Amino acid sequence: MLSDQEKQQYGNRCPAGFKKQSVLGKGGIAIVWLAIDQATGAQVAMKQFPKTSGKFDSSAGVEIQI
């Protein structure tokens, strides 16, 4: 699924109430996961940005605003 480098870069974070299922795709700034909303059972696409020291690079900031 994820390489050792990606595991270190992205970690195993997931918002409360969601469960990651599988990787849908990988891009230049994020990994997109198929996830389940545990409250509703709905399938969702969840974008995970790399771990940083509390900051996003400028390209990630554009994604967050959308």
PDB file of N, CA and C in Angstrom:
ATOM      1  N   MET A   1       0.815  -1.189   0.000  1.00  0.00           N
ATOM      2  CA  MET A   1       0.000   0.000   0.000  1.00  0.00           C
ATOM      3  C   MET A   1       0.862   1.259   0.000  1.00  0.00           C
ATOM      4  N   LEU A   2       1.518   1.551   1.129  1.00  0.00           N
ATOM      5  CA  LEU A   2       2.415   2.701   1.207  1.00  0.00           C
ATOM      6  C   LEU A   2       3.839   2.208   1.379  1.00  0.00           C
ATOM      7  N   SER A   3       4.785   2.904   0.767  1.00  0.00           N
ATOM      8  CA  SER A   3       6.191   2.573   0.955  1.00  0.00           C
ATOM      9  C   SER A   3       6.607   2.993   2.369  1.00  0.00           C
ATOM     10  N   ASP A   4       7.743   2.503   2.814  1.00  0.00           N
ATOM     11  CA  ASP A   4       8.246   2.896   4.134  1.00  0.00           C
ATOM     12  C   ASP A   4       8.454   4.400   4.208  1.00  0.00           C
ATOM     13  N   GLN A   5       8.942   4.997   3.113  1.00  0.00           N
ATOM     14  CA  GLN A   5       9.147   6.448   3.074  1.00  0.00           C
ATOM     15  C   GLN A   5       7.807   7.183   3.209  1.00  0.00           C
ATOM     16  N   GLU A   6       6.788   6.718   2.506  1.00  0.00           N
ATOM     17  CA  GLU A   6       5.467   7.354   2.594  1.00  0.00           C
ATOM     18  C   GLU A   6       4.880   7.198   3.993  1.00  0.00           C
ATOM     19  N   LYS A   7       5.062   6.041   4.605  1.00  0.00           N
ATOM     20  CA  LYS A   7       4.565   5.843   5.969  1.00  0.00           C
ATOM     21  C   LYS A   7       5.186   6.853   6.915  1.00  0.00           C
ATOM     22  N   GLN A   8       6.478   7.104   6.748  1.00  0.00           N
ATOM     23  CA  GLN A   8       7.160   8.085   7.597  1.00  0.00           C
ATOM     24  C   GLN A   8       6.687   9.497   7.281  1.00  0.00           C
ATOM     25  N   GLN A   9       6.510   9.788   6.007  1.00  0.00           N
ATOM     26  CA  GLN A   9       6.123  11.132   5.579  1.00  0.00           C
ATOM     27  C   GLN A   9       4.681  11.476   5.963  1.00  0.00           C
ATOM     28  N   TYR A  10       3.767  10.516   5.856  1.00  0.00           N
ATOM     29  CA  TYR A  10       2.344  10.786   6.084  1.00  0.00           C
ATOM     30  C   TYR A  10       1.837  10.334   7.447  1.00  0.00           C
ATOM     31  N   GLY A  11       2.499   9.359   8.056  1.00  0.00           N
ATOM     32  CA  GLY A  11       2.053   8.853   9.348  1.00  0.00           C
ATOM     33  C   GLY A  11       0.774   8.052   9.217  1.00  0.00           C
ATOM     34  N   ASN A  12       0.166   7.774  10.335  1.00  0.00           N
ATOM     35  CA  ASN A  12      -1.062   6.978  10.352  1.00  0.00           C
ATOM     36  C   ASN A  12      -2.213   7.789  10.943  1.00  0.00           C
ATOM     37  N   ARG A  13      -2.308   9.023  10.502  1.00  0.00           N
ATOM     38  CA  ARG A  13      -3.350   9.914  11.036  1.00  0.00           C
ATOM     39  C   ARG A  13      -4.660   9.687  10.318  1.00  0.00           C
ATOM     40  N   CYS A  14      -5.760   9.874  11.060  1.00  0.00           N
ATOM     41  CA  CYS A  14      -7.088   9.768  10.485  1.00  0.00           C
ATOM     42  C   CYS A  14      -8.047  10.546  11.393  1.00  0.00           C
ATOM     43  N   PRO A  15      -8.917  11.357  10.812  1.00  0.00           N
ATOM     44  CA  PRO A  15      -9.863  12.102  11.644  1.00  0.00           C
ATOM     45  C   PRO A  15     -10.761  11.163  12.451  1.00  0.00           C
ATOM     46  N   ALA A  16     -11.115  11.598  13.641  1.00  0.00           N
ATOM     47  CA  ALA A  16     -12.015  10.812  14.494  1.00  0.00           C
ATOM     48  C   ALA A  16     -13.318  10.547  13.749  1.00  0.00           C
ATOM     49  N   GLY A  17     -13.807   9.330  13.867  1.00  0.00           N
ATOM     50  CA  GLY A  17     -15.077   8.982  13.247  1.00  0.00           C
ATOM     51  C   GLY A  17     -14.957   8.436  11.833  1.00  0.00           C
ATOM     52  N   PHE A  18     -13.733   8.332  11.328  1.00  0.00           N
ATOM     53  CA  PHE A  18     -13.497   7.799   9.994  1.00  0.00           C
ATOM     54  C   PHE A  18     -12.508   6.649  10.070  1.00  0.00           C
ATOM     55  N   LYS A  19     -12.609   5.722   9.129  1.00  0.00           N
ATOM     56  CA  LYS A  19     -11.681   4.602   9.058  1.00  0.00           C
ATOM     57  C   LYS A  19     -11.186   4.478   7.625  1.00  0.00           C
ATOM     58  N   LYS A  20      -9.846   4.560   7.452  1.00  0.00           N
ATOM     59  CA  LYS A  20      -9.248   4.425   6.126  1.00  0.00           C
ATOM     60  C   LYS A  20      -9.400   2.990   5.646  1.00  0.00           C
ATOM     61  N   GLN A  21      -9.751   2.832   4.352  1.00  0.00           N
ATOM     62  CA  GLN A  21      -9.929   1.511   3.761  1.00  0.00           C
ATOM     63  C   GLN A  21      -8.809   1.161   2.793  1.00  0.00           C
ATOM     64  N   SER A  22      -8.580   2.008   1.812  1.00  0.00           N
ATOM     65  CA  SER A  22      -7.564   1.733   0.802  1.00  0.00           C
ATOM     66  C   SER A  22      -7.151   3.033   0.125  1.00  0.00           C
ATOM     67  N   VAL A  23      -5.987   2.997  -0.521  1.00  0.00           N
ATOM     68  CA  VAL A  23      -5.489   4.162  -1.243  1.00  0.00           C
ATOM     69  C   VAL A  23      -6.187   4.238  -2.601  1.00  0.00           C
ATOM     70  N   LEU A  24      -6.782   5.398  -2.886  1.00  0.00           N
ATOM     71  CA  LEU A  24      -7.400   5.631  -4.196  1.00  0.00           C
ATOM     72  C   LEU A  24      -6.395   6.219  -5.180  1.00  0.00           C
ATOM     73  N   GLY A  25      -5.462   7.022  -4.662  1.00  0.00           N
ATOM     74  CA  GLY A  25      -4.470   7.631  -5.540  1.00  0.00           C
ATOM     75  C   GLY A  25      -3.441   8.404  -4.755  1.00  0.00           C
ATOM     76  N   LYS A  26      -2.330   8.671  -5.418  1.00  0.00           N
ATOM     77  CA  LYS A  26      -1.240   9.446  -4.824  1.00  0.00           C
ATOM     78  C   LYS A  26      -0.869  10.535  -5.796  1.00  0.00           C
ATOM     79  N   GLY A  27      -0.710  11.740  -5.274  1.00  0.00           N
ATOM     80  CA  GLY A  27      -0.326  12.865  -6.122  1.00  0.00           C
ATOM     81  C   GLY A  27       0.925  13.527  -5.607  1.00  0.00           C
ATOM     82  N   GLY A  28       1.176  14.709  -6.110  1.00  0.00           N
ATOM     83  CA  GLY A  28       2.371  15.435  -5.738  1.00  0.00           C
ATOM     84  C   GLY A  28       2.377  15.944  -4.316  1.00  0.00           C
ATOM     85  N   ILE A  29       1.186  16.176  -3.743  1.00  0.00           N
ATOM     86  CA  ILE A  29       1.153  16.755  -2.396  1.00  0.00           C
ATOM     87  C   ILE A  29       0.296  15.980  -1.413  1.00  0.00           C
ATOM     88  N   ALA A  30      -0.359  14.915  -1.828  1.00  0.00           N
ATOM     89  CA  ALA A  30      -1.257  14.214  -0.903  1.00  0.00           C
ATOM     90  C   ALA A  30      -1.530  12.788  -1.375  1.00  0.00           C
ATOM     91  N   ILE A  31      -2.066  12.011  -0.451  1.00  0.00           N
ATOM     92  CA  ILE A  31      -2.584  10.675  -0.737  1.00  0.00           C
ATOM     93  C   ILE A  31      -4.091  10.743  -0.558  1.00  0.00           C
ATOM     94  N   VAL A  32      -4.840  10.131  -1.468  1.00  0.00           N
ATOM     95  CA  VAL A  32      -6.296  10.106  -1.355  1.00  0.00           C
ATOM     96  C   VAL A  32      -6.720   8.696  -0.950  1.00  0.00           C
ATOM     97  N   TRP A  33      -7.479   8.624   0.127  1.00  0.00           N
ATOM     98  CA  TRP A  33      -7.938   7.359   0.685  1.00  0.00           C
ATOM     99  C   TRP A  33      -9.434   7.171   0.478  1.00  0.00           C
ATOM    100  N   LEU A  34      -9.845   5.940   0.286  1.00  0.00           N
ATOM    101  CA  LEU A  34     -11.247   5.577   0.439  1.00  0.00           C
ATOM    102  C   LEU A  34     -11.424   5.357   1.934  1.00  0.00           C
ATOM    103  N   ALA A  35     -12.379   6.034   2.520  1.00  0.00           N
ATOM    104  CA  ALA A  35     -12.611   5.920   3.957  1.00  0.00           C
ATOM    105  C   ALA A  35     -14.099   5.730   4.217  1.00  0.00           C
ATOM    106  N   ILE A  36     -14.408   5.269   5.411  1.00  0.00           N
ATOM    107  CA  ILE A  36     -15.789   5.064   5.838  1.00  0.00           C
ATOM    108  C   ILE A  36     -16.113   6.047   6.962  1.00  0.00           C
ATOM    109  N   ASP A  37     -17.214   6.766   6.821  1.00  0.00           N
ATOM    110  CA  ASP A  37     -17.734   7.594   7.906  1.00  0.00           C
ATOM    111  C   ASP A  37     -18.434   6.632   8.856  1.00  0.00           C
ATOM    112  N   GLN A  38     -17.870   6.435  10.023  1.00  0.00           N
ATOM    113  CA  GLN A  38     -18.391   5.427  10.944  1.00  0.00           C
ATOM    114  C   GLN A  38     -19.760   5.773  11.509  1.00  0.00           C
ATOM    115  N   ALA A  39     -20.138   7.041  11.475  1.00  0.00           N
ATOM    116  CA  ALA A  39     -21.456   7.436  11.974  1.00  0.00           C
ATOM    117  C   ALA A  39     -22.562   7.083  10.986  1.00  0.00           C
ATOM    118  N   THR A  40     -22.251   7.207   9.683  1.00  0.00           N
ATOM    119  CA  THR A  40     -23.292   6.998   8.672  1.00  0.00           C
ATOM    120  C   THR A  40     -23.053   5.769   7.789  1.00  0.00           C
ATOM    121  N   GLY A  41     -21.825   5.272   7.797  1.00  0.00           N
ATOM    122  CA  GLY A  41     -21.477   4.155   6.922  1.00  0.00           C
ATOM    123  C   GLY A  41     -21.172   4.585   5.495  1.00  0.00           C
ATOM    124  N   ALA A  42     -21.214   5.886   5.238  1.00  0.00           N
ATOM    125  CA  ALA A  42     -20.968   6.400   3.890  1.00  0.00           C
ATOM    126  C   ALA A  42     -19.492   6.270   3.515  1.00  0.00           C
ATOM    127  N   GLN A  43     -19.253   5.950   2.247  1.00  0.00           N
ATOM    128  CA  GLN A  43     -17.896   5.947   1.729  1.00  0.00           C
ATOM    129  C   GLN A  43     -17.534   7.366   1.327  1.00  0.00           C
ATOM    130  N   VAL A  44     -16.332   7.790   1.681  1.00  0.00           N
ATOM    131  CA  VAL A  44     -15.862   9.132   1.356  1.00  0.00           C
ATOM    132  C   VAL A  44     -14.438   9.055   0.826  1.00  0.00           C
ATOM    133  N   ALA A  45     -14.036  10.065   0.078  1.00  0.00           N
ATOM    134  CA  ALA A  45     -12.647  10.222  -0.325  1.00  0.00           C
ATOM    135  C   ALA A  45     -12.012  11.206   0.650  1.00  0.00           C
ATOM    136  N   MET A  46     -10.882  10.810   1.211  1.00  0.00           N
ATOM    137  CA  MET A  46     -10.227  11.628   2.227  1.00  0.00           C
ATOM    138  C   MET A  46      -8.800  11.920   1.778  1.00  0.00           C
ATOM    139  N   LYS A  47      -8.442  13.185   1.698  1.00  0.00           N
ATOM    140  CA  LYS A  47      -7.107  13.586   1.278  1.00  0.00           C
ATOM    141  C   LYS A  47      -6.227  13.759   2.516  1.00  0.00           C
ATOM    142  N   GLN A  48      -5.060  13.125   2.482  1.00  0.00           N
ATOM    143  CA  GLN A  48      -4.121  13.212   3.602  1.00  0.00           C
ATOM    144  C   GLN A  48      -2.843  13.886   3.123  1.00  0.00           C
ATOM    145  N   PHE A  49      -2.522  15.005   3.760  1.00  0.00           N
ATOM    146  CA  PHE A  49      -1.311  15.747   3.443  1.00  0.00           C
ATOM    147  C   PHE A  49      -0.158  15.225   4.302  1.00  0.00           C
ATOM    148  N   PRO A  50       1.081  15.410   3.850  1.00  0.00           N
ATOM    149  CA  PRO A  50       2.231  14.960   4.633  1.00  0.00           C
ATOM    150  C   PRO A  50       2.285  15.642   5.994  1.00  0.00           C
ATOM    151  N   LYS A  51       2.907  14.938   6.953  1.00  0.00           N
ATOM    152  CA  LYS A  51       3.129  15.531   8.262  1.00  0.00           C
ATOM    153  C   LYS A  51       4.146  16.648   8.107  1.00  0.00           C
ATOM    154  N   THR A  52       3.890  17.756   8.772  1.00  0.00           N
ATOM    155  CA  THR A  52       4.845  18.864   8.821  1.00  0.00           C
ATOM    156  C   THR A  52       4.801  19.419  10.225  1.00  0.00           C
ATOM    157  N   SER A  53       5.599  20.379  10.486  1.00  0.00           N
ATOM    158  CA  SER A  53       5.615  20.978  11.815  1.00  0.00           C
ATOM    159  C   SER A  53       4.492  21.992  11.968  1.00  0.00           C
ATOM    160  N   GLY A  54       3.262  21.552  11.709  1.00  0.00           N
ATOM    161  CA  GLY A  54       2.112  22.427  11.883  1.00  0.00           C
ATOM    162  C   GLY A  54       1.878  23.383  10.733  1.00  0.00           C
ATOM    163  N   LYS A  55       2.625  23.221   9.638  1.00  0.00           N
ATOM    164  CA  LYS A  55       2.493  24.119   8.502  1.00  0.00           C
ATOM    165  C   LYS A  55       2.234  23.299   7.251  1.00  0.00           C
ATOM    166  N   PHE A  56       1.523  23.876   6.314  1.00  0.00           N
ATOM    167  CA  PHE A  56       1.302  23.280   5.009  1.00  0.00           C
ATOM    168  C   PHE A  56       2.123  24.060   4.002  1.00  0.00           C
ATOM    169  N   ASP A  57       2.597  23.382   2.956  1.00  0.00           N
ATOM    170  CA  ASP A  57       3.245  24.156   1.910  1.00  0.00           C
ATOM    171  C   ASP A  57       2.177  24.943   1.158  1.00  0.00           C
ATOM    172  N   SER A  58       2.580  25.878   0.339  1.00  0.00           N
ATOM    173  CA  SER A  58       1.623  26.796  -0.292  1.00  0.00           C
ATOM    174  C   SER A  58       0.630  26.065  -1.199  1.00  0.00           C
ATOM    175  N   SER A  59       1.047  24.999  -1.862  1.00  0.00           N
ATOM    176  CA  SER A  59       0.119  24.279  -2.727  1.00  0.00           C
ATOM    177  C   SER A  59      -0.951  23.559  -1.918  1.00  0.00           C
ATOM    178  N   ALA A  60      -0.609  23.062  -0.742  1.00  0.00           N
ATOM    179  CA  ALA A  60      -1.590  22.409   0.117  1.00  0.00           C
ATOM    180  C   ALA A  60      -2.603  23.425   0.635  1.00  0.00           C
ATOM    181  N   GLY A  61      -2.170  24.655   0.876  1.00  0.00           N
ATOM    182  CA  GLY A  61      -3.085  25.683   1.351  1.00  0.00           C
ATOM    183  C   GLY A  61      -4.216  25.948   0.384  1.00  0.00           C
ATOM    184  N   VAL A  62      -3.940  25.884  -0.892  1.00  0.00           N
ATOM    185  CA  VAL A  62      -4.975  26.071  -1.904  1.00  0.00           C
ATOM    186  C   VAL A  62      -5.974  24.932  -1.809  1.00  0.00           C
ATOM    187  N   GLU A  63      -5.514  23.688  -1.653  1.00  0.00           N
ATOM    188  CA  GLU A  63      -6.394  22.531  -1.541  1.00  0.00           C
ATOM    189  C   GLU A  63      -7.306  22.660  -0.332  1.00  0.00           C
ATOM    190  N   ILE A  64      -6.787  23.123   0.789  1.00  0.00           N
ATOM    191  CA  ILE A  64      -7.572  23.235   2.020  1.00  0.00           C
ATOM    192  C   ILE A  64      -8.698  24.242   1.855  1.00  0.00           C
ATOM    193  N   GLN A  65      -8.468  25.311   1.118  1.00  0.00           N
ATOM    194  CA  GLN A  65      -9.480  26.345   0.936  1.00  0.00           C
ATOM    195  C   GLN A  65     -10.628  25.886   0.069  1.00  0.00           C
ATOM    196  N   ILE A  66     -10.394  24.920  -0.798  1.00  0.00           N
ATOM    197  CA  ILE A  66     -11.432  24.493  -1.742  1.00  0.00           C
ATOM    198  C   ILE A  66     -12.480  23.706  -1.067  1.00  0.00           C
TER     199      ILE A  66
END
